[in-house]
PDB file of all heavy atoms in Angstrom:
ATOM      1  N   GLY A   1      17.204-174.497  32.928  1.00  0.00           N
ATOM      2  CA  GLY A   1      17.192-173.065  32.737  1.00  0.00           C
ATOM      3  C   GLY A   1      16.742-172.608  31.370  1.00  0.00           C
ATOM      4  O   GLY A   1      16.788-171.402  31.066  1.00  0.00           O
ATOM      5  N   LYS A   2      16.308-173.532  30.534  1.00  0.00           N
ATOM      6  CA  LYS A   2      15.893-173.193  29.174  1.00  0.00           C
ATOM      7  C   LYS A   2      14.450-173.591  28.952  1.00  0.00           C
ATOM      8  O   LYS A   2      13.882-174.422  29.677  1.00  0.00           O
ATOM      9  CB  LYS A   2      16.785-173.848  28.147  1.00  0.00           C
ATOM     10  CG  LYS A   2      18.242-173.361  28.185  1.00  0.00           C
ATOM     11  CD  LYS A   2      19.026-173.933  27.022  1.00  0.00           C
ATOM     12  CE  LYS A   2      20.443-173.384  27.020  1.00  0.00           C
ATOM     13  NZ  LYS A   2      21.237-173.924  25.862  1.00  0.00           N
ATOM     14  N   GLU A   3      13.868-173.017  27.921  1.00  0.00           N
ATOM     15  CA  GLU A   3      12.514-173.386  27.554  1.00  0.00           C
ATOM     16  C   GLU A   3      12.504-174.728  26.836  1.00  0.00           C
ATOM     17  O   GLU A   3      13.499-175.155  26.246  1.00  0.00           O
ATOM     18  CB  GLU A   3      11.904-172.314  26.661  1.00  0.00           C
ATOM     19  CG  GLU A   3      11.666-170.973  27.358  1.00  0.00           C
ATOM     20  CD  GLU A   3      10.897-170.008  26.487  1.00  0.00           C
ATOM     21  OE1 GLU A   3      10.600-170.326  25.334  1.00  0.00           O
ATOM     22  OE2 GLU A   3      10.587-168.914  27.007  1.00  0.00           O
ATOM     23  N   ARG A   4      11.350-175.390  26.893  1.00  0.00           N
ATOM     24  CA  ARG A   4      11.197-176.634  26.171  1.00  0.00           C
ATOM     25  C   ARG A   4      11.257-176.353  24.671  1.00  0.00           C
ATOM     26  O   ARG A   4      10.651-175.395  24.182  1.00  0.00           O
ATOM     27  CB  ARG A   4       9.853-177.276  26.528  1.00  0.00           C
ATOM     28  CG  ARG A   4       9.700-178.687  26.054  1.00  0.00           C
ATOM     29  CD  ARG A   4       8.401-179.287  26.585  1.00  0.00           C
ATOM     30  NE  ARG A   4       8.371-179.333  28.053  1.00  0.00           N
ATOM     31  CZ  ARG A   4       7.372-179.858  28.738  1.00  0.00           C
ATOM     32  NH1 ARG A   4       6.323-180.388  28.103  1.00  0.00           N
ATOM     33  NH2 ARG A   4       7.404-179.873  30.052  1.00  0.00           N
ATOM     34  N   GLU A   5      12.009-177.196  23.945  1.00  0.00           N
ATOM     35  CA  GLU A   5      12.160-176.963  22.529  1.00  0.00           C
ATOM     36  C   GLU A   5      11.820-178.201  21.710  1.00  0.00           C
ATOM     37  O   GLU A   5      11.959-179.320  22.181  1.00  0.00           O
ATOM     38  CB  GLU A   5      13.601-176.526  22.199  1.00  0.00           C
ATOM     39  CG  GLU A   5      14.659-177.575  22.470  1.00  0.00           C
ATOM     40  CD  GLU A   5      16.025-177.178  21.962  1.00  0.00           C
ATOM     41  OE1 GLU A   5      16.165-176.121  21.329  1.00  0.00           O
ATOM     42  OE2 GLU A   5      16.957-177.969  22.191  1.00  0.00           O
ATOM     43  N   PHE A   6      11.371-177.949  20.505  1.00  0.00           N
ATOM     44  CA  PHE A   6      11.024-179.000  19.578  1.00  0.00           C
ATOM     45  C   PHE A   6      12.276-179.748  19.122  1.00  0.00           C
ATOM     46  O   PHE A   6      13.314-179.142  18.849  1.00  0.00           O
ATOM     47  CB  PHE A   6      10.319-178.382  18.365  1.00  0.00           C
ATOM     48  CG  PHE A   6      10.119-179.296  17.205  1.00  0.00           C
ATOM     49  CD1 PHE A   6       9.091-180.231  17.206  1.00  0.00           C
ATOM     50  CD2 PHE A   6      10.960-179.236  16.108  1.00  0.00           C
ATOM     51  CE1 PHE A   6       8.899-181.071  16.132  1.00  0.00           C
ATOM     52  CE2 PHE A   6      10.778-180.072  15.022  1.00  0.00           C
ATOM     53  CZ  PHE A   6       9.745-180.999  15.032  1.00  0.00           C
ATOM     54  N   VAL A   7      12.151-181.078  19.020  1.00  0.00           N
ATOM     55  CA  VAL A   7      13.246-181.907  18.516  1.00  0.00           C
ATOM     56  C   VAL A   7      12.866-182.559  17.189  1.00  0.00           C
ATOM     57  O   VAL A   7      13.578-182.439  16.187  1.00  0.00           O
ATOM     58  CB  VAL A   7      13.635-182.983  19.554  1.00  0.00           C
ATOM     59  CG1 VAL A   7      14.699-183.916  18.975  1.00  0.00           C
ATOM     60  CG2 VAL A   7      14.123-182.347  20.846  1.00  0.00           C
ATOM     61  N   ALA A   8      11.754-183.264  17.189  1.00  0.00           N
ATOM     62  CA  ALA A   8      11.329-183.989  15.978  1.00  0.00           C
ATOM     63  C   ALA A   8       9.866-184.367  16.123  1.00  0.00           C
ATOM     64  O   ALA A   8       9.315-184.367  17.231  1.00  0.00           O
ATOM     65  CB  ALA A   8      12.175-185.244  15.784  1.00  0.00           C
ATOM     66  N   VAL A   9       9.250-184.668  15.002  1.00  0.00           N
ATOM     67  CA  VAL A   9       7.862-185.127  15.025  1.00  0.00           C
ATOM     68  C   VAL A   9       7.619-186.059  13.841  1.00  0.00           C
ATOM     69  O   VAL A   9       8.215-185.868  12.770  1.00  0.00           O
ATOM     70  CB  VAL A   9       6.869-183.938  14.981  1.00  0.00           C
ATOM     71  CG1 VAL A   9       6.957-183.201  13.665  1.00  0.00           C
ATOM     72  CG2 VAL A   9       5.431-184.430  15.229  1.00  0.00           C
ATOM     73  N   ARG A  10       6.801-187.067  14.088  1.00  0.00           N
ATOM     74  CA  ARG A  10       6.260-187.868  13.002  1.00  0.00           C
ATOM     75  C   ARG A  10       4.766-187.545  12.936  1.00  0.00           C
ATOM     76  O   ARG A  10       4.039-187.782  13.913  1.00  0.00           O
ATOM     77  CB  ARG A  10       6.453-189.343  13.227  1.00  0.00           C
ATOM     78  CG  ARG A  10       5.981-190.169  12.002  1.00  0.00           C
ATOM     79  CD  ARG A  10       5.819-191.616  12.305  1.00  0.00           C
ATOM     80  NE  ARG A  10       5.411-192.364  11.130  1.00  0.00           N
ATOM     81  CZ  ARG A  10       4.152-192.438  10.672  1.00  0.00           C
ATOM     82  NH1 ARG A  10       3.182-191.811  11.311  1.00  0.00           N
ATOM     83  NH2 ARG A  10       3.876-193.132   9.592  1.00  0.00           N
ATOM     84  N   ARG A  11       4.357-187.029  11.810  1.00  0.00           N
ATOM     85  CA  ARG A  11       2.946-186.689  11.662  1.00  0.00           C
ATOM     86  C   ARG A  11       2.108-187.956  11.551  1.00  0.00           C
ATOM     87  O   ARG A  11       2.614-189.030  11.226  1.00  0.00           O
ATOM     88  CB  ARG A  11       2.732-185.761  10.461  1.00  0.00           C
ATOM     89  CG  ARG A  11       3.470-184.431  10.617  1.00  0.00           C
ATOM     90  CD  ARG A  11       3.009-183.441   9.597  1.00  0.00           C
ATOM     91  NE  ARG A  11       1.636-183.003   9.859  1.00  0.00           N
ATOM     92  CZ  ARG A  11       0.844-182.484   8.925  1.00  0.00           C
ATOM     93  NH1 ARG A  11       1.282-182.343   7.681  1.00  0.00           N
ATOM     94  NH2 ARG A  11      -0.357-182.080   9.221  1.00  0.00           N
ATOM     95  N   SER A  12       0.844-187.794  11.821  1.00  0.00           N
ATOM     96  CA  SER A  12      -0.067-188.936  11.783  1.00  0.00           C
ATOM     97  C   SER A  12      -0.123-189.569  10.409  1.00  0.00           C
ATOM     98  O   SER A  12       0.224-188.923   9.397  1.00  0.00           O
ATOM     99  CB  SER A  12      -1.470-188.502  12.194  1.00  0.00           C
ATOM    100  OG  SER A  12      -2.005-187.636  11.212  1.00  0.00           O
ATOM    101  N   SER A  13      -0.544-190.814  10.367  1.00  0.00           N
ATOM    102  CA  SER A  13      -0.644-191.503   9.082  1.00  0.00           C
ATOM    103  C   SER A  13      -1.586-190.764   8.153  1.00  0.00           C
ATOM    104  O   SER A  13      -1.362-190.658   6.948  1.00  0.00           O
ATOM    105  CB  SER A  13      -1.109-192.929   9.307  1.00  0.00           C
ATOM    106  OG  SER A  13      -0.177-193.654  10.063  1.00  0.00           O
ATOM    107  N   GLY A  14      -2.672-190.232   8.704  1.00  0.00           N
ATOM    108  CA  GLY A  14      -3.631-189.493   7.899  1.00  0.00           C
ATOM    109  C   GLY A  14      -3.082-188.209   7.315  1.00  0.00           C
ATOM    110  O   GLY A  14      -3.599-187.688   6.320  1.00  0.00           O
ATOM    111  N   SER A  15      -2.020-187.696   7.926  1.00  0.00           N
ATOM    112  CA  SER A  15      -1.363-186.470   7.431  1.00  0.00           C
ATOM    113  C   SER A  15      -0.127-186.797   6.622  1.00  0.00           C
ATOM    114  O   SER A  15       0.675-185.911   6.338  1.00  0.00           O
ATOM    115  CB  SER A  15      -1.013-185.583   8.619  1.00  0.00           C
ATOM    116  OG  SER A  15      -2.171-185.170   9.310  1.00  0.00           O
ATOM    117  N   GLY A  16       0.070-188.068   6.304  1.00  0.00           N
ATOM    118  CA  GLY A  16       1.169-188.448   5.453  1.00  0.00           C
ATOM    119  C   GLY A  16       2.332-189.113   6.151  1.00  0.00           C
ATOM    120  O   GLY A  16       3.205-189.694   5.519  1.00  0.00           O
ATOM    121  N   GLY A  17       2.399-189.011   7.476  1.00  0.00           N
ATOM    122  CA  GLY A  17       3.433-189.700   8.217  1.00  0.00           C
ATOM    123  C   GLY A  17       4.839-189.150   8.060  1.00  0.00           C
ATOM    124  O   GLY A  17       5.816-189.799   8.444  1.00  0.00           O
ATOM    125  N   ARG A  18       4.971-187.958   7.532  1.00  0.00           N
ATOM    126  CA  ARG A  18       6.315-187.416   7.301  1.00  0.00           C
ATOM    127  C   ARG A  18       6.977-187.048   8.629  1.00  0.00           C
ATOM    128  O   ARG A  18       6.297-186.670   9.588  1.00  0.00           O
ATOM    129  CB  ARG A  18       6.228-186.206   6.381  1.00  0.00           C
ATOM    130  CG  ARG A  18       7.585-185.649   5.957  1.00  0.00           C
ATOM    131  CD  ARG A  18       7.451-184.622   4.865  1.00  0.00           C
ATOM    132  NE  ARG A  18       8.742-184.034   4.524  1.00  0.00           N
ATOM    133  CZ  ARG A  18       8.924-183.135   3.571  1.00  0.00           C
ATOM    134  NH1 ARG A  18       7.881-182.704   2.860  1.00  0.00           N
ATOM    135  NH2 ARG A  18      10.116-182.647   3.342  1.00  0.00           N
ATOM    136  N   ILE A  19       8.290-187.106   8.641  1.00  0.00           N
ATOM    137  CA  ILE A  19       9.061-186.807   9.835  1.00  0.00           C
ATOM    138  C   ILE A  19       9.822-185.497   9.645  1.00  0.00           C
ATOM    139  O   ILE A  19      10.390-185.274   8.559  1.00  0.00           O
ATOM    140  CB  ILE A  19      10.036-187.948  10.146  1.00  0.00           C
ATOM    141  CG1 ILE A  19       9.256-189.245  10.424  1.00  0.00           C
ATOM    142  CG2 ILE A  19      10.914-187.598  11.348  1.00  0.00           C
ATOM    143  CD1 ILE A  19      10.136-190.474  10.494  1.00  0.00           C
ATOM    144  N   TYR A  20       9.818-184.682  10.671  1.00  0.00           N
ATOM    145  CA  TYR A  20      10.514-183.400  10.648  1.00  0.00           C
ATOM    146  C   TYR A  20      11.442-183.324  11.847  1.00  0.00           C
ATOM    147  O   TYR A  20      11.108-183.828  12.942  1.00  0.00           O
ATOM    148  CB  TYR A  20       9.513-182.244  10.727  1.00  0.00           C
ATOM    149  CG  TYR A  20       8.561-182.197   9.555  1.00  0.00           C
ATOM    150  CD1 TYR A  20       7.393-182.962   9.559  1.00  0.00           C
ATOM    151  CD2 TYR A  20       8.812-181.379   8.456  1.00  0.00           C
ATOM    152  CE1 TYR A  20       6.515-182.932   8.486  1.00  0.00           C
ATOM    153  CE2 TYR A  20       7.939-181.345   7.380  1.00  0.00           C
ATOM    154  CZ  TYR A  20       6.792-182.123   7.406  1.00  0.00           C
ATOM    155  OH  TYR A  20       5.926-182.096   6.348  1.00  0.00           O
ATOM    156  N   TYR A  21      12.597-182.683  11.643  1.00  0.00           N
ATOM    157  CA  TYR A  21      13.603-182.532  12.694  1.00  0.00           C
ATOM    158  C   TYR A  21      13.982-181.074  12.850  1.00  0.00           C
ATOM    159  O   TYR A  21      14.002-180.317  11.883  1.00  0.00           O
ATOM    160  CB  TYR A  21      14.869-183.325  12.365  1.00  0.00           C
ATOM    161  CG  TYR A  21      14.677-184.814  12.194  1.00  0.00           C
ATOM    162  CD1 TYR A  21      14.413-185.362  10.927  1.00  0.00           C
ATOM    163  CD2 TYR A  21      14.752-185.677  13.275  1.00  0.00           C
ATOM    164  CE1 TYR A  21      14.247-186.727  10.766  1.00  0.00           C
ATOM    165  CE2 TYR A  21      14.581-187.039  13.115  1.00  0.00           C
ATOM    166  CZ  TYR A  21      14.322-187.550  11.865  1.00  0.00           C
ATOM    167  OH  TYR A  21      14.159-188.900  11.704  1.00  0.00           O
ATOM    168  N   THR A  22      14.364-180.720  14.058  1.00  0.00           N
ATOM    169  CA  THR A  22      14.971-179.415  14.211  1.00  0.00           C
ATOM    170  C   THR A  22      16.379-179.463  13.639  1.00  0.00           C
ATOM    171  O   THR A  22      17.016-180.539  13.617  1.00  0.00           O
ATOM    172  CB  THR A  22      14.978-178.986  15.694  1.00  0.00           C
ATOM    173  OG1 THR A  22      15.285-177.613  15.797  1.00  0.00           O
ATOM    174  CG2 THR A  22      15.988-179.794  16.517  1.00  0.00           C
ATOM    175  N   ASP A  23      16.900-178.326  13.204  1.00  0.00           N
ATOM    176  CA  ASP A  23      18.176-178.326  12.474  1.00  0.00           C
ATOM    177  C   ASP A  23      19.325-178.896  13.288  1.00  0.00           C
ATOM    178  O   ASP A  23      20.211-179.562  12.747  1.00  0.00           O
ATOM    179  CB  ASP A  23      18.518-176.891  12.051  1.00  0.00           C
ATOM    180  CG  ASP A  23      17.658-176.410  10.889  1.00  0.00           C
ATOM    181  OD1 ASP A  23      16.984-177.250  10.253  1.00  0.00           O
ATOM    182  OD2 ASP A  23      17.667-175.189  10.629  1.00  0.00           O
ATOM    183  N   SER A  24      19.334-178.643  14.591  1.00  0.00           N
ATOM    184  CA  SER A  24      20.483-179.031  15.402  1.00  0.00           C
ATOM    185  C   SER A  24      20.639-180.550  15.569  1.00  0.00           C
ATOM    186  O   SER A  24      21.689-181.009  16.005  1.00  0.00           O
ATOM    187  CB  SER A  24      20.393-178.380  16.782  1.00  0.00           C
ATOM    188  OG  SER A  24      19.248-178.831  17.473  1.00  0.00           O
ATOM    189  N   VAL A  25      19.606-181.317  15.225  1.00  0.00           N
ATOM    190  CA  VAL A  25      19.719-182.776  15.371  1.00  0.00           C
ATOM    191  C   VAL A  25      19.676-183.504  14.042  1.00  0.00           C
ATOM    192  O   VAL A  25      19.835-184.731  14.008  1.00  0.00           O
ATOM    193  CB  VAL A  25      18.600-183.322  16.288  1.00  0.00           C
ATOM    194  CG1 VAL A  25      18.582-182.583  17.625  1.00  0.00           C
ATOM    195  CG2 VAL A  25      17.230-183.316  15.629  1.00  0.00           C
ATOM    196  N   LYS A  26      19.492-182.794  12.953  1.00  0.00           N
ATOM    197  CA  LYS A  26      19.441-183.438  11.635  1.00  0.00           C
ATOM    198  C   LYS A  26      20.746-184.159  11.350  1.00  0.00           C
ATOM    199  O   LYS A  26      21.822-183.634  11.585  1.00  0.00           O
ATOM    200  CB  LYS A  26      19.175-182.406  10.550  1.00  0.00           C
ATOM    201  CG  LYS A  26      17.744-181.914  10.482  1.00  0.00           C
ATOM    202  CD  LYS A  26      17.565-180.889   9.364  1.00  0.00           C
ATOM    203  CE  LYS A  26      16.130-180.377   9.315  1.00  0.00           C
ATOM    204  NZ  LYS A  26      15.952-179.336   8.293  1.00  0.00           N
ATOM    205  N   GLY A  27      20.621-185.403  10.877  1.00  0.00           N
ATOM    206  CA  GLY A  27      21.798-186.205  10.604  1.00  0.00           C
ATOM    207  C   GLY A  27      22.313-186.972  11.800  1.00  0.00           C
ATOM    208  O   GLY A  27      23.182-187.845  11.659  1.00  0.00           O
ATOM    209  N   ARG A  28      21.831-186.644  12.987  1.00  0.00           N
ATOM    210  CA  ARG A  28      22.256-187.343  14.215  1.00  0.00           C
ATOM    211  C   ARG A  28      21.127-188.128  14.869  1.00  0.00           C
ATOM    212  O   ARG A  28      21.369-189.176  15.445  1.00  0.00           O
ATOM    213  CB  ARG A  28      22.827-186.341  15.213  1.00  0.00           C
ATOM    214  CG  ARG A  28      24.007-185.541  14.724  1.00  0.00           C
ATOM    215  CD  ARG A  28      24.665-184.740  15.839  1.00  0.00           C
ATOM    216  NE  ARG A  28      23.764-183.760  16.433  1.00  0.00           N
ATOM    217  CZ  ARG A  28      23.432-183.738  17.734  1.00  0.00           C
ATOM    218  NH1 ARG A  28      23.901-184.643  18.549  1.00  0.00           N
ATOM    219  NH2 ARG A  28      22.604-182.788  18.212  1.00  0.00           N
ATOM    220  N   PHE A  29      19.929-187.593  14.801  1.00  0.00           N
ATOM    221  CA  PHE A  29      18.762-188.224  15.424  1.00  0.00           C
ATOM    222  C   PHE A  29      17.860-188.808  14.335  1.00  0.00           C
ATOM    223  O   PHE A  29      17.705-188.215  13.252  1.00  0.00           O
ATOM    224  CB  PHE A  29      17.959-187.220  16.239  1.00  0.00           C
ATOM    225  CG  PHE A  29      18.645-186.729  17.481  1.00  0.00           C
ATOM    226  CD1 PHE A  29      19.961-186.982  17.761  1.00  0.00           C
ATOM    227  CD2 PHE A  29      17.898-185.991  18.416  1.00  0.00           C
ATOM    228  CE1 PHE A  29      20.557-186.516  18.925  1.00  0.00           C
ATOM    229  CE2 PHE A  29      18.474-185.512  19.574  1.00  0.00           C
ATOM    230  CZ  PHE A  29      19.816-185.762  19.821  1.00  0.00           C
ATOM    231  N   THR A  30      17.225-189.936  14.646  1.00  0.00           N
ATOM    232  CA  THR A  30      16.327-190.575  13.700  1.00  0.00           C
ATOM    233  C   THR A  30      15.079-191.048  14.421  1.00  0.00           C
ATOM    234  O   THR A  30      15.169-191.729  15.453  1.00  0.00           O
ATOM    235  CB  THR A  30      17.002-191.792  13.037  1.00  0.00           C
ATOM    236  OG1 THR A  30      18.231-191.390  12.422  1.00  0.00           O
ATOM    237  CG2 THR A  30      16.097-192.402  11.978  1.00  0.00           C
ATOM    238  N   VAL A  31      13.926-190.697  13.864  1.00  0.00           N
ATOM    239  CA  VAL A  31      12.650-191.144  14.408  1.00  0.00           C
ATOM    240  C   VAL A  31      12.181-192.376  13.623  1.00  0.00           C
ATOM    241  O   VAL A  31      12.263-192.412  12.384  1.00  0.00           O
ATOM    242  CB  VAL A  31      11.586-190.032  14.291  1.00  0.00           C
ATOM    243  CG1 VAL A  31      10.191-190.559  14.605  1.00  0.00           C
ATOM    244  CG2 VAL A  31      11.933-188.884  15.255  1.00  0.00           C
ATOM    245  N   SER A  32      11.703-193.359  14.356  1.00  0.00           N
ATOM    246  CA  SER A  32      11.115-194.533  13.720  1.00  0.00           C
ATOM    247  C   SER A  32       9.945-194.997  14.584  1.00  0.00           C
ATOM    248  O   SER A  32       9.738-194.502  15.693  1.00  0.00           O
ATOM    249  CB  SER A  32      12.146-195.650  13.563  1.00  0.00           C
ATOM    250  OG  SER A  32      12.609-196.083  14.831  1.00  0.00           O
ATOM    251  N   ARG A  33       9.195-195.945  14.053  1.00  0.00           N
ATOM    252  CA  ARG A  33       8.015-196.396  14.777  1.00  0.00           C
ATOM    253  C   ARG A  33       7.855-197.894  14.631  1.00  0.00           C
ATOM    254  O   ARG A  33       8.313-198.507  13.687  1.00  0.00           O
ATOM    255  CB  ARG A  33       6.776-195.684  14.286  1.00  0.00           C
ATOM    256  CG  ARG A  33       6.499-195.911  12.802  1.00  0.00           C
ATOM    257  CD  ARG A  33       5.324-195.106  12.321  1.00  0.00           C
ATOM    258  NE  ARG A  33       4.055-195.739  12.666  1.00  0.00           N
ATOM    259  CZ  ARG A  33       2.885-195.174  12.482  1.00  0.00           C
ATOM    260  NH1 ARG A  33       2.817-193.948  12.014  1.00  0.00           N
ATOM    261  NH2 ARG A  33       1.786-195.823  12.774  1.00  0.00           N
ATOM    262  N   ASP A  34       7.158-198.457  15.618  1.00  0.00           N
ATOM    263  CA  ASP A  34       6.761-199.874  15.563  1.00  0.00           C
ATOM    264  C   ASP A  34       5.269-199.893  15.855  1.00  0.00           C
ATOM    265  O   ASP A  34       4.847-199.772  17.011  1.00  0.00           O
ATOM    266  CB  ASP A  34       7.559-200.674  16.605  1.00  0.00           C
ATOM    267  CG  ASP A  34       7.255-202.166  16.547  1.00  0.00           C
ATOM    268  OD1 ASP A  34       6.145-202.561  16.082  1.00  0.00           O
ATOM    269  OD2 ASP A  34       8.117-202.955  16.940  1.00  0.00           O
ATOM    270  N   ASP A  35       4.480-200.036  14.799  1.00  0.00           N
ATOM    271  CA  ASP A  35       3.034-199.984  14.966  1.00  0.00           C
ATOM    272  C   ASP A  35       2.505-201.112  15.857  1.00  0.00           C
ATOM    273  O   ASP A  35       1.550-200.923  16.617  1.00  0.00           O
ATOM    274  CB  ASP A  35       2.340-200.054  13.604  1.00  0.00           C
ATOM    275  CG  ASP A  35       2.522-198.776  12.818  1.00  0.00           C
ATOM    276  OD1 ASP A  35       3.064-197.804  13.395  1.00  0.00           O
ATOM    277  OD2 ASP A  35       2.121-198.734  11.649  1.00  0.00           O
ATOM    278  N   ALA A  36       3.139-202.258  15.755  1.00  0.00           N
ATOM    279  CA  ALA A  36       2.668-203.400  16.546  1.00  0.00           C
ATOM    280  C   ALA A  36       2.831-203.140  18.037  1.00  0.00           C
ATOM    281  O   ALA A  36       2.094-203.719  18.852  1.00  0.00           O
ATOM    282  CB  ALA A  36       3.438-204.658  16.132  1.00  0.00           C
TER     283      ALA A  36
END
């Protein structure tokens, strides 16, 4: 019953690779990657 909402993003390596979170998940959710 709700709209799709942003949670987190990891920007591309060319854009610096920084990670951003929506406020409601900060401190609880963590983004990571495995390039291999």
